[in-house]
Amino acid sequence: MASKMTLTLPTGQVMPALGFGTWQATDAELEAALNTALEAGYRHIDTAPVYENEHVIGKVLHKWLSSGKLKREELFVVSKVPPVGNRPSGVEKWIKRSLKDLQLDYLDLYLIHTPFSLEEVNEDLHPVDKNGEIKLDKSTDHLKIWLEMEKQVEAGRAKAIGLSNFNIKQITKVMSASKLPISNLQIELHVYFQQKELVDFCKKNGITVTAYSPLGSRGLVKLMGKVDSLPDLLSNPVVVKIGERRTKTPAQILLRYTLQRGIAAIPKSTNPDRLRKNIDLFDWELAPEDMNELNALDQGASARVCDFGFFKGIEKHPEFPF
């Protein structure tokens, strides 16, 4: 069953509200999972150069498109300018590279992955100095970068452009000088970290929101060393209880919750059964009392998983967003 819920971007494009996230998936795993996802009805695919998997996605999409099983206009493909390319001269170079790896002529949505920039050192996506500190490029100029993003739309390489991991002050600055709309903001968002202020701000300004880590991303929690401080959303008693009440899995409850807030979600799974269950969200809904119980689980910014702490010294960047 194809994804039934959609969000309309300021450009008029229609984005499926449930997407397939691809961060932290190995090549072989991802190839199998993406085939399963497309068969299950996923059409919104989220990737980025820093996930180092665009070539795998390209291979799978090429197979589906060239066989006629899928038309390009049925897909909604999202990629991002990496932090090492986050400068005016990097935008065109990196979108062209993404398009080549993805074997596509255009992206449906192209985002600036982070508000901070890293130094470009050879092909290193995360360059560090001899002390293991991430190499920062502190000359980040969002307005000049955005101008280059707009040129990608004019050149037909992207249909829409947006931001990821930016805060309200940073978004406001880009809005002040943009000719083309900010179509989307992609941020960490889940039931423990509901981002109410940021979501309200985006809705007021016509910016759609996509939630990454909508299930709380245990893989990332482990990577960040936060297992003790951040409990698993999927075993939260409220979530489990609502799941039992509605005969749905905890993951289905969490995803449906995000979609019912008018927010897109891009869960990552390489498990075929979970992939299929995660998209089975469109013929039922959560009742107002379910939504109220889930709303009450918000812990604010203390529940942020992805604070970029895996980049040692990142908080010294003038555009560090948190």
C-alpha atoms as a PDB file:
ATOM      1  CA  MET A   1       0.000   0.000   0.000  1.00  0.00           C
ATOM      2  CA  ALA A   2       1.488   3.309  -1.073  1.00  0.00           C
ATOM      3  CA  SER A   3       1.985   6.113   1.418  1.00  0.00           C
ATOM      4  CA  LYS A   4      -1.308   7.979   1.735  1.00  0.00           C
ATOM      5  CA  MET A   5      -0.375  10.980   3.878  1.00  0.00           C
ATOM      6  CA  THR A   6       1.458  13.843   2.250  1.00  0.00           C
ATOM      7  CA  LEU A   7       2.761  17.329   3.004  1.00  0.00           C
ATOM      8  CA  THR A   8       2.646  20.085   0.406  1.00  0.00           C
ATOM      9  CA  LEU A   9       5.822  22.149   0.093  1.00  0.00           C
ATOM     10  CA  PRO A  10       5.701  25.906  -0.612  1.00  0.00           C
ATOM     11  CA  THR A  11       6.719  24.989  -4.194  1.00  0.00           C
ATOM     12  CA  GLY A  12       3.472  23.015  -4.606  1.00  0.00           C
ATOM     13  CA  GLN A  13       5.355  19.686  -4.606  1.00  0.00           C
ATOM     14  CA  VAL A  14       3.791  16.836  -2.690  1.00  0.00           C
ATOM     15  CA  MET A  15       6.083  14.988  -0.261  1.00  0.00           C
ATOM     16  CA  PRO A  16       5.042  11.608   1.187  1.00  0.00           C
ATOM     17  CA  ALA A  17       4.825  12.088   4.954  1.00  0.00           C
ATOM     18  CA  LEU A  18       6.531   8.793   5.667  1.00  0.00           C
ATOM     19  CA  GLY A  19      10.004   8.371   4.226  1.00  0.00           C
ATOM     20  CA  PHE A  20      12.774   5.807   4.328  1.00  0.00           C
ATOM     21  CA  GLY A  21      15.795   6.954   6.355  1.00  0.00           C
ATOM     22  CA  THR A  22      19.189   5.547   5.343  1.00  0.00           C
ATOM     23  CA  TRP A  23      21.653   6.798   7.973  1.00  0.00           C
ATOM     24  CA  GLN A  24      23.771   4.094   9.664  1.00  0.00           C
ATOM     25  CA  ALA A  25      22.974   1.287   7.204  1.00  0.00           C
ATOM     26  CA  THR A  26      25.750  -0.781   5.611  1.00  0.00           C
ATOM     27  CA  ASP A  27      25.866  -1.238   1.821  1.00  0.00           C
ATOM     28  CA  ALA A  28      24.580  -4.824   1.549  1.00  0.00           C
ATOM     29  CA  GLU A  29      22.005  -4.241   4.270  1.00  0.00           C
ATOM     30  CA  LEU A  30      20.767  -1.071   2.586  1.00  0.00           C
ATOM     31  CA  GLU A  31      20.473  -2.581  -0.894  1.00  0.00           C
ATOM     32  CA  ALA A  32      18.162  -5.334   0.399  1.00  0.00           C
ATOM     33  CA  ALA A  33      16.236  -2.933   2.655  1.00  0.00           C
ATOM     34  CA  LEU A  34      15.645  -0.332  -0.060  1.00  0.00           C
ATOM     35  CA  ASN A  35      14.262  -2.999  -2.408  1.00  0.00           C
ATOM     36  CA  THR A  36      11.930  -4.145   0.378  1.00  0.00           C
ATOM     37  CA  ALA A  37      10.965  -0.545   1.162  1.00  0.00           C
ATOM     38  CA  LEU A  38      10.088   0.249  -2.454  1.00  0.00           C
ATOM     39  CA  GLU A  39       8.063  -2.963  -2.671  1.00  0.00           C
ATOM     40  CA  ALA A  40       6.226  -1.983   0.550  1.00  0.00           C
ATOM     41  CA  GLY A  41       5.275   1.390  -0.946  1.00  0.00           C
ATOM     42  CA  TYR A  42       7.937   3.815   0.341  1.00  0.00           C
ATOM     43  CA  ARG A  43       8.509   6.572  -2.213  1.00  0.00           C
ATOM     44  CA  HIS A  44      10.262   9.253  -0.108  1.00  0.00           C
ATOM     45  CA  ILE A  45      13.963   8.336   0.220  1.00  0.00           C
ATOM     46  CA  ASP A  46      16.273  10.357   2.482  1.00  0.00           C
ATOM     47  CA  THR A  47      20.046  10.282   2.083  1.00  0.00           C
ATOM     48  CA  ALA A  48      23.194  12.445   2.279  1.00  0.00           C
ATOM     49  CA  PRO A  49      26.852  12.267   1.223  1.00  0.00           C
ATOM     50  CA  VAL A  50      27.920  11.793   4.858  1.00  0.00           C
ATOM     51  CA  TYR A  51      25.924   8.542   5.009  1.00  0.00           C
ATOM     52  CA  GLU A  52      28.291   7.264   2.288  1.00  0.00           C
ATOM     53  CA  ASN A  53      25.508   5.251   0.675  1.00  0.00           C
ATOM     54  CA  GLU A  54      24.241   7.325  -2.265  1.00  0.00           C
ATOM     55  CA  HIS A  55      25.930   4.970  -4.751  1.00  0.00           C
ATOM     56  CA  VAL A  56      23.983   2.019  -3.264  1.00  0.00           C
ATOM     57  CA  ILE A  57      20.683   3.911  -3.455  1.00  0.00           C
ATOM     58  CA  GLY A  58      21.540   4.922  -7.028  1.00  0.00           C
ATOM     59  CA  LYS A  59      22.088   1.327  -8.028  1.00  0.00           C
ATOM     60  CA  VAL A  60      18.703   0.224  -6.617  1.00  0.00           C
ATOM     61  CA  LEU A  61      16.765   3.203  -8.007  1.00  0.00           C
ATOM     62  CA  HIS A  62      18.357   2.744 -11.435  1.00  0.00           C
ATOM     63  CA  LYS A  63      17.175  -0.864 -11.499  1.00  0.00           C
ATOM     64  CA  TRP A  64      13.598   0.130 -10.596  1.00  0.00           C
ATOM     65  CA  LEU A  65      13.487   3.102 -12.974  1.00  0.00           C
ATOM     66  CA  SER A  66      15.131   1.446 -15.981  1.00  0.00           C
ATOM     67  CA  SER A  67      12.876  -1.617 -15.719  1.00  0.00           C
ATOM     68  CA  GLY A  68       9.802   0.622 -15.766  1.00  0.00           C
ATOM     69  CA  LYS A  69       8.651  -0.627 -12.336  1.00  0.00           C
ATOM     70  CA  LEU A  70       8.767   2.984 -11.136  1.00  0.00           C
ATOM     71  CA  LYS A  71       8.558   6.392 -12.779  1.00  0.00           C
ATOM     72  CA  ARG A  72      10.915   9.128 -11.586  1.00  0.00           C
ATOM     73  CA  GLU A  73       7.996  11.420 -10.724  1.00  0.00           C
ATOM     74  CA  GLU A  74       6.662   8.812  -8.286  1.00  0.00           C
ATOM     75  CA  LEU A  75       9.792   9.173  -6.155  1.00  0.00           C
ATOM     76  CA  PHE A  76      10.684  11.937  -3.705  1.00  0.00           C
ATOM     77  CA  VAL A  77      14.455  11.898  -3.174  1.00  0.00           C
ATOM     78  CA  VAL A  78      16.197  14.084  -0.604  1.00  0.00           C
ATOM     79  CA  SER A  79      19.930  14.719  -0.167  1.00  0.00           C
ATOM     80  CA  LYS A  80      22.076  17.304   1.576  1.00  0.00           C
ATOM     81  CA  VAL A  81      25.154  19.520   1.281  1.00  0.00           C
ATOM     82  CA  PRO A  82      27.716  17.952   3.645  1.00  0.00           C
ATOM     83  CA  PRO A  83      29.410  20.036   6.361  1.00  0.00           C
ATOM     84  CA  VAL A  84      32.731  19.835   4.429  1.00  0.00           C
ATOM     85  CA  GLY A  85      30.973  21.384   1.413  1.00  0.00           C
ATOM     86  CA  ASN A  86      29.086  24.010   3.386  1.00  0.00           C
ATOM     87  CA  ARG A  87      30.413  27.096   1.602  1.00  0.00           C
ATOM     88  CA  PRO A  88      29.348  28.882  -1.590  1.00  0.00           C
ATOM     89  CA  SER A  89      31.875  27.008  -3.758  1.00  0.00           C
ATOM     90  CA  GLY A  90      30.792  23.623  -2.373  1.00  0.00           C
ATOM     91  CA  VAL A  91      27.074  23.574  -3.169  1.00  0.00           C
ATOM     92  CA  GLU A  92      27.147  22.898  -6.909  1.00  0.00           C
ATOM     93  CA  LYS A  93      30.090  20.521  -6.612  1.00  0.00           C
ATOM     94  CA  TRP A  94      28.331  18.363  -4.009  1.00  0.00           C
ATOM     95  CA  ILE A  95      24.870  18.315  -5.588  1.00  0.00           C
ATOM     96  CA  LYS A  96      26.445  17.176  -8.850  1.00  0.00           C
ATOM     97  CA  ARG A  97      28.283  14.439  -6.999  1.00  0.00           C
ATOM     98  CA  SER A  98      25.071  13.312  -5.260  1.00  0.00           C
ATOM     99  CA  LEU A  99      23.185  13.256  -8.568  1.00  0.00           C
ATOM    100  CA  LYS A 100      25.958  11.215 -10.197  1.00  0.00           C
ATOM    101  CA  ASP A 101      26.015   8.687  -7.315  1.00  0.00           C
ATOM    102  CA  LEU A 102      22.211   8.505  -7.190  1.00  0.00           C
ATOM    103  CA  GLN A 103      22.058   8.191 -11.019  1.00  0.00           C
ATOM    104  CA  LEU A 104      19.395  10.919 -11.113  1.00  0.00           C
ATOM    105  CA  ASP A 105      18.957  14.159 -13.091  1.00  0.00           C
ATOM    106  CA  TYR A 106      17.443  16.100 -10.200  1.00  0.00           C
ATOM    107  CA  LEU A 107      16.637  15.927  -6.482  1.00  0.00           C
ATOM    108  CA  ASP A 108      13.140  16.635  -5.192  1.00  0.00           C
ATOM    109  CA  LEU A 109      14.620  18.383  -2.145  1.00  0.00           C
ATOM    110  CA  TYR A 110      18.160  19.510  -1.330  1.00  0.00           C
ATOM    111  CA  LEU A 111      19.031  20.553   2.219  1.00  0.00           C
ATOM    112  CA  ILE A 112      21.966  22.229   3.952  1.00  0.00           C
ATOM    113  CA  HIS A 113      22.839  19.358   6.311  1.00  0.00           C
ATOM    114  CA  THR A 114      24.205  21.438   9.213  1.00  0.00           C
ATOM    115  CA  PRO A 115      24.523  25.146   9.977  1.00  0.00           C
ATOM    116  CA  PHE A 116      28.259  24.725  10.677  1.00  0.00           C
ATOM    117  CA  SER A 117      31.024  24.073   8.139  1.00  0.00           C
ATOM    118  CA  LEU A 118      34.042  21.793   8.326  1.00  0.00           C
ATOM    119  CA  GLU A 119      37.338  22.233   6.516  1.00  0.00           C
ATOM    120  CA  GLU A 120      37.670  20.491   3.196  1.00  0.00           C
ATOM    121  CA  VAL A 121      40.701  18.190   3.463  1.00  0.00           C
ATOM    122  CA  ASN A 122      41.094  15.868   0.461  1.00  0.00           C
ATOM    123  CA  GLU A 123      38.089  13.518   0.436  1.00  0.00           C
ATOM    124  CA  ASP A 124      37.689  13.364   4.213  1.00  0.00           C
ATOM    125  CA  LEU A 125      34.050  13.932   5.218  1.00  0.00           C
ATOM    126  CA  HIS A 126      35.006  14.468   8.893  1.00  0.00           C
ATOM    127  CA  PRO A 127      38.567  15.885   8.986  1.00  0.00           C
ATOM    128  CA  VAL A 128      40.294  15.968  12.384  1.00  0.00           C
ATOM    129  CA  ASP A 129      43.561  17.462  13.650  1.00  0.00           C
ATOM    130  CA  LYS A 130      46.321  15.587  15.495  1.00  0.00           C
ATOM    131  CA  ASN A 131      44.377  15.903  18.778  1.00  0.00           C
ATOM    132  CA  GLY A 132      41.285  14.309  17.258  1.00  0.00           C
ATOM    133  CA  GLU A 133      39.418  17.629  17.183  1.00  0.00           C
ATOM    134  CA  ILE A 134      37.188  18.226  14.180  1.00  0.00           C
ATOM    135  CA  LYS A 135      38.640  20.798  11.746  1.00  0.00           C
ATOM    136  CA  LEU A 136      36.228  23.736  11.682  1.00  0.00           C
ATOM    137  CA  ASP A 137      35.770  26.262   8.904  1.00  0.00           C
ATOM    138  CA  LYS A 138      34.490  29.222  10.906  1.00  0.00           C
ATOM    139  CA  SER A 139      33.814  31.437   7.863  1.00  0.00           C
ATOM    140  CA  THR A 140      30.303  29.967   7.335  1.00  0.00           C
ATOM    141  CA  ASP A 141      28.021  32.478   5.587  1.00  0.00           C
ATOM    142  CA  HIS A 142      24.455  31.178   5.411  1.00  0.00           C
ATOM    143  CA  LEU A 143      23.204  33.897   3.077  1.00  0.00           C
ATOM    144  CA  LYS A 144      25.899  33.301   0.463  1.00  0.00           C
ATOM    145  CA  ILE A 145      25.384  29.535   0.713  1.00  0.00           C
ATOM    146  CA  TRP A 146      21.609  29.937   0.323  1.00  0.00           C
ATOM    147  CA  LEU A 147      22.141  32.003  -2.833  1.00  0.00           C
ATOM    148  CA  GLU A 148      24.028  29.016  -4.290  1.00  0.00           C
ATOM    149  CA  MET A 149      21.213  26.678  -3.178  1.00  0.00           C
ATOM    150  CA  GLU A 150      18.751  28.861  -5.119  1.00  0.00           C
ATOM    151  CA  LYS A 151      20.963  28.557  -8.208  1.00  0.00           C
ATOM    152  CA  GLN A 152      20.552  24.758  -8.068  1.00  0.00           C
ATOM    153  CA  VAL A 153      16.784  25.183  -8.400  1.00  0.00           C
ATOM    154  CA  GLU A 154      17.253  27.621 -11.272  1.00  0.00           C
ATOM    155  CA  ALA A 155      19.581  25.090 -12.970  1.00  0.00           C
ATOM    156  CA  GLY A 156      17.036  22.265 -12.550  1.00  0.00           C
ATOM    157  CA  ARG A 157      19.235  20.162 -10.266  1.00  0.00           C
ATOM    158  CA  ALA A 158      16.838  20.520  -7.296  1.00  0.00           C
ATOM    159  CA  LYS A 159      13.086  21.121  -7.263  1.00  0.00           C
ATOM    160  CA  ALA A 160      13.088  22.553  -3.732  1.00  0.00           C
ATOM    161  CA  ILE A 161      15.631  23.568  -1.093  1.00  0.00           C
ATOM    162  CA  GLY A 162      15.696  23.609   2.682  1.00  0.00           C
ATOM    163  CA  LEU A 163      17.689  23.342   5.888  1.00  0.00           C
ATOM    164  CA  SER A 164      18.578  20.747   8.505  1.00  0.00           C
ATOM    165  CA  ASN A 165      19.637  21.144  12.153  1.00  0.00           C
ATOM    166  CA  PHE A 166      19.254  24.962  12.010  1.00  0.00           C
ATOM    167  CA  ASN A 167      17.789  26.910  14.947  1.00  0.00           C
ATOM    168  CA  ILE A 168      15.129  29.657  14.831  1.00  0.00           C
ATOM    169  CA  LYS A 169      17.651  32.511  14.745  1.00  0.00           C
ATOM    170  CA  GLN A 170      19.559  30.887  11.867  1.00  0.00           C
ATOM    171  CA  ILE A 171      16.375  30.123   9.887  1.00  0.00           C
ATOM    172  CA  THR A 172      15.123  33.685  10.389  1.00  0.00           C
ATOM    173  CA  LYS A 173      18.373  35.032   8.965  1.00  0.00           C
ATOM    174  CA  VAL A 174      18.106  32.854   5.838  1.00  0.00           C
ATOM    175  CA  MET A 175      14.437  33.861   5.409  1.00  0.00           C
ATOM    176  CA  SER A 176      15.396  37.527   5.515  1.00  0.00           C
ATOM    177  CA  ALA A 177      17.384  37.218   2.290  1.00  0.00           C
ATOM    178  CA  SER A 178      15.826  34.297   0.433  1.00  0.00           C
ATOM    179  CA  LYS A 179      14.227  34.674  -2.992  1.00  0.00           C
ATOM    180  CA  LEU A 180      13.031  31.059  -3.000  1.00  0.00           C
ATOM    181  CA  PRO A 181      11.177  29.614  -0.014  1.00  0.00           C
ATOM    182  CA  ILE A 182      12.741  27.402   2.636  1.00  0.00           C
ATOM    183  CA  SER A 183      10.643  24.355   1.761  1.00  0.00           C
ATOM    184  CA  ASN A 184      11.613  22.052   4.612  1.00  0.00           C
ATOM    185  CA  LEU A 185      13.484  21.822   7.908  1.00  0.00           C
ATOM    186  CA  GLN A 186      14.790  18.400   8.889  1.00  0.00           C
ATOM    187  CA  ILE A 187      15.455  17.999  12.608  1.00  0.00           C
ATOM    188  CA  GLU A 188      15.705  15.390  15.317  1.00  0.00           C
ATOM    189  CA  LEU A 189      12.187  14.981  16.659  1.00  0.00           C
ATOM    190  CA  HIS A 190      10.506  12.232  18.674  1.00  0.00           C
ATOM    191  CA  VAL A 191       8.082  11.817  21.549  1.00  0.00           C
ATOM    192  CA  TYR A 192      10.734  12.722  24.178  1.00  0.00           C
ATOM    193  CA  PHE A 193      11.968  15.714  22.156  1.00  0.00           C
ATOM    194  CA  GLN A 194       8.906  17.221  20.494  1.00  0.00           C
ATOM    195  CA  GLN A 195      10.460  20.512  19.317  1.00  0.00           C
ATOM    196  CA  LYS A 196       7.182  22.376  19.872  1.00  0.00           C
ATOM    197  CA  GLU A 197       8.585  25.904  19.560  1.00  0.00           C
ATOM    198  CA  LEU A 198      10.559  25.132  16.402  1.00  0.00           C
ATOM    199  CA  VAL A 199       7.622  23.279  14.800  1.00  0.00           C
ATOM    200  CA  ASP A 200       5.231  26.174  15.579  1.00  0.00           C
ATOM    201  CA  PHE A 201       7.733  28.633  14.105  1.00  0.00           C
ATOM    202  CA  CYS A 202       8.010  26.560  10.910  1.00  0.00           C
ATOM    203  CA  LYS A 203       4.236  26.189  10.559  1.00  0.00           C
ATOM    204  CA  LYS A 204       3.769  29.960  10.938  1.00  0.00           C
ATOM    205  CA  ASN A 205       6.338  30.500   8.198  1.00  0.00           C
ATOM    206  CA  GLY A 206       5.099  27.855   5.771  1.00  0.00           C
ATOM    207  CA  ILE A 207       8.116  25.551   6.251  1.00  0.00           C
ATOM    208  CA  THR A 208       7.364  21.810   6.322  1.00  0.00           C
ATOM    209  CA  VAL A 209       9.135  19.762   9.014  1.00  0.00           C
ATOM    210  CA  THR A 210      10.694  16.296   8.717  1.00  0.00           C
ATOM    211  CA  ALA A 211      11.591  14.302  11.837  1.00  0.00           C
ATOM    212  CA  TYR A 212      14.778  12.267  11.832  1.00  0.00           C
ATOM    213  CA  SER A 213      15.254   9.659  14.590  1.00  0.00           C
ATOM    214  CA  PRO A 214      11.443   9.580  15.093  1.00  0.00           C
ATOM    215  CA  LEU A 215      11.842   6.331  17.051  1.00  0.00           C
ATOM    216  CA  GLY A 216      14.664   7.728  19.187  1.00  0.00           C
ATOM    217  CA  SER A 217      17.433   5.945  17.229  1.00  0.00           C
ATOM    218  CA  ARG A 218      18.970   3.409  19.619  1.00  0.00           C
ATOM    219  CA  GLY A 219      21.959   3.033  17.294  1.00  0.00           C
ATOM    220  CA  LEU A 220      22.684   6.723  17.689  1.00  0.00           C
ATOM    221  CA  VAL A 221      22.039   6.659  21.451  1.00  0.00           C
ATOM    222  CA  LYS A 222      24.738   3.966  21.743  1.00  0.00           C
ATOM    223  CA  LEU A 223      27.093   5.915  19.461  1.00  0.00           C
ATOM    224  CA  MET A 224      26.625   9.022  21.631  1.00  0.00           C
ATOM    225  CA  GLY A 225      27.139   7.068  24.873  1.00  0.00           C
ATOM    226  CA  LYS A 226      23.719   8.112  26.188  1.00  0.00           C
ATOM    227  CA  VAL A 227      22.193   4.687  26.875  1.00  0.00           C
ATOM    228  CA  ASP A 228      21.803   5.381  30.608  1.00  0.00           C
ATOM    229  CA  SER A 229      20.362   8.887  30.331  1.00  0.00           C
ATOM    230  CA  LEU A 230      17.954   8.296  27.426  1.00  0.00           C
ATOM    231  CA  PRO A 231      15.484   5.453  27.925  1.00  0.00           C
ATOM    232  CA  ASP A 232      14.218   3.490  24.929  1.00  0.00           C
ATOM    233  CA  LEU A 233      11.067   5.090  23.483  1.00  0.00           C
ATOM    234  CA  LEU A 234       9.821   1.753  22.173  1.00  0.00           C
ATOM    235  CA  SER A 235       9.547   0.348  25.692  1.00  0.00           C
ATOM    236  CA  ASN A 236       8.041   3.464  27.267  1.00  0.00           C
ATOM    237  CA  PRO A 237       5.010   2.240  29.295  1.00  0.00           C
ATOM    238  CA  VAL A 238       2.661   4.907  27.873  1.00  0.00           C
ATOM    239  CA  VAL A 239       3.649   4.051  24.292  1.00  0.00           C
ATOM    240  CA  VAL A 240       3.336   0.308  24.976  1.00  0.00           C
ATOM    241  CA  LYS A 241      -0.071   0.768  26.630  1.00  0.00           C
ATOM    242  CA  ILE A 242      -1.458   2.813  23.699  1.00  0.00           C
ATOM    243  CA  GLY A 243      -0.062   0.149  21.347  1.00  0.00           C
ATOM    244  CA  GLU A 244      -1.944  -2.558  23.227  1.00  0.00           C
ATOM    245  CA  ARG A 245      -5.104  -0.459  23.228  1.00  0.00           C
ATOM    246  CA  ARG A 246      -4.918   0.072  19.450  1.00  0.00           C
ATOM    247  CA  THR A 247      -3.325  -3.338  18.611  1.00  0.00           C
ATOM    248  CA  LYS A 248      -0.322  -1.603  17.028  1.00  0.00           C
ATOM    249  CA  THR A 249       3.433  -1.835  17.607  1.00  0.00           C
ATOM    250  CA  PRO A 250       5.158   0.865  19.710  1.00  0.00           C
ATOM    251  CA  ALA A 251       6.965   2.013  16.530  1.00  0.00           C
ATOM    252  CA  GLN A 252       3.645   2.414  14.704  1.00  0.00           C
ATOM    253  CA  ILE A 253       2.297   4.490  17.609  1.00  0.00           C
ATOM    254  CA  LEU A 254       5.371   6.772  17.610  1.00  0.00           C
ATOM    255  CA  LEU A 255       5.332   7.255  13.831  1.00  0.00           C
ATOM    256  CA  ARG A 256       1.587   7.844  13.641  1.00  0.00           C
ATOM    257  CA  TYR A 257       1.949  10.393  16.462  1.00  0.00           C
ATOM    258  CA  THR A 258       4.499  12.382  14.438  1.00  0.00           C
ATOM    259  CA  LEU A 259       2.402  12.236  11.250  1.00  0.00           C
ATOM    260  CA  GLN A 260      -0.712  13.357  13.116  1.00  0.00           C
ATOM    261  CA  ARG A 261       1.206  16.451  14.240  1.00  0.00           C
ATOM    262  CA  GLY A 262       1.565  17.303  10.526  1.00  0.00           C
ATOM    263  CA  ILE A 263       5.247  16.354  10.506  1.00  0.00           C
ATOM    264  CA  ALA A 264       6.983  13.974   8.078  1.00  0.00           C
ATOM    265  CA  ALA A 265       9.040  11.106   9.550  1.00  0.00           C
ATOM    266  CA  ILE A 266      11.976   9.159   8.100  1.00  0.00           C
ATOM    267  CA  PRO A 267      12.524   6.069  10.265  1.00  0.00           C
ATOM    268  CA  LYS A 268      15.464   3.857   9.359  1.00  0.00           C
ATOM    269  CA  SER A 269      15.039   0.116   9.445  1.00  0.00           C
ATOM    270  CA  THR A 270      16.758  -2.671   7.570  1.00  0.00           C
ATOM    271  CA  ASN A 271      14.417  -5.311   9.030  1.00  0.00           C
ATOM    272  CA  PRO A 272      11.835  -6.321   6.346  1.00  0.00           C
ATOM    273  CA  ASP A 273       9.029  -6.978   8.817  1.00  0.00           C
ATOM    274  CA  ARG A 274       9.525  -3.665  10.652  1.00  0.00           C
ATOM    275  CA  LEU A 275       9.855  -1.805   7.343  1.00  0.00           C
ATOM    276  CA  ARG A 276       6.430  -3.047   6.306  1.00  0.00           C
ATOM    277  CA  LYS A 277       4.852  -2.363   9.717  1.00  0.00           C
ATOM    278  CA  ASN A 278       6.354   1.158   9.815  1.00  0.00           C
ATOM    279  CA  ILE A 279       4.439   2.156   6.663  1.00  0.00           C
ATOM    280  CA  ASP A 280       1.161   0.580   7.792  1.00  0.00           C
ATOM    281  CA  LEU A 281      -0.053   3.850   9.293  1.00  0.00           C
ATOM    282  CA  PHE A 282      -2.735   5.198   7.040  1.00  0.00           C
ATOM    283  CA  ASP A 283      -5.968   3.334   7.715  1.00  0.00           C
ATOM    284  CA  TRP A 284      -6.181   4.127  11.438  1.00  0.00           C
ATOM    285  CA  GLU A 285      -5.515   7.069  13.747  1.00  0.00           C
ATOM    286  CA  LEU A 286      -4.697   7.952  17.320  1.00  0.00           C
ATOM    287  CA  ALA A 287      -7.559   9.345  19.407  1.00  0.00           C
ATOM    288  CA  PRO A 288      -7.242  12.795  21.065  1.00  0.00           C
ATOM    289  CA  GLU A 289      -6.634  11.117  24.460  1.00  0.00           C
ATOM    290  CA  ASP A 290      -3.757   9.081  22.936  1.00  0.00           C
ATOM    291  CA  MET A 291      -2.246  12.277  21.533  1.00  0.00           C
ATOM    292  CA  ASN A 292      -2.578  14.015  24.920  1.00  0.00           C
ATOM    293  CA  GLU A 293      -0.828  11.152  26.723  1.00  0.00           C
ATOM    294  CA  LEU A 294       2.005  11.203  24.171  1.00  0.00           C
ATOM    295  CA  ASN A 295       2.260  15.017  24.266  1.00  0.00           C
ATOM    296  CA  ALA A 296       2.908  14.721  28.006  1.00  0.00           C
ATOM    297  CA  LEU A 297       6.091  12.660  27.408  1.00  0.00           C
ATOM    298  CA  ASP A 298       8.082  15.646  26.087  1.00  0.00           C
ATOM    299  CA  GLN A 299      11.372  16.212  27.934  1.00  0.00           C
ATOM    300  CA  GLY A 300      12.572  19.105  25.813  1.00  0.00           C
ATOM    301  CA  ALA A 301      16.179  19.568  24.732  1.00  0.00           C
ATOM    302  CA  SER A 302      17.513  17.312  27.505  1.00  0.00           C
ATOM    303  CA  ALA A 303      16.312  14.381  25.365  1.00  0.00           C
ATOM    304  CA  ARG A 304      18.259  15.450  22.269  1.00  0.00           C
ATOM    305  CA  VAL A 305      20.265  12.471  21.017  1.00  0.00           C
ATOM    306  CA  CYS A 306      22.168  14.028  18.099  1.00  0.00           C
ATOM    307  CA  ASP A 307      24.093  16.947  19.617  1.00  0.00           C
ATOM    308  CA  PHE A 308      27.043  16.366  17.232  1.00  0.00           C
ATOM    309  CA  GLY A 309      29.190  15.400  20.211  1.00  0.00           C
ATOM    310  CA  PHE A 310      30.834  12.785  17.974  1.00  0.00           C
ATOM    311  CA  PHE A 311      32.670  15.777  16.448  1.00  0.00           C
ATOM    312  CA  LYS A 312      35.155  16.733  19.174  1.00  0.00           C
ATOM    313  CA  GLY A 313      35.220  20.533  19.569  1.00  0.00           C
ATOM    314  CA  ILE A 314      32.196  21.187  17.338  1.00  0.00           C
ATOM    315  CA  GLU A 315      30.595  23.521  19.902  1.00  0.00           C
ATOM    316  CA  LYS A 316      33.414  26.037  19.208  1.00  0.00           C
ATOM    317  CA  HIS A 317      31.924  26.773  15.778  1.00  0.00           C
ATOM    318  CA  PRO A 318      30.152  30.188  15.717  1.00  0.00           C
ATOM    319  CA  GLU A 319      27.146  28.592  13.977  1.00  0.00           C
ATOM    320  CA  PHE A 320      26.866  25.581  16.324  1.00  0.00           C
ATOM    321  CA  PRO A 321      23.049  25.454  16.572  1.00  0.00           C
ATOM    322  CA  PHE A 322      22.390  24.131  20.079  1.00  0.00           C
END
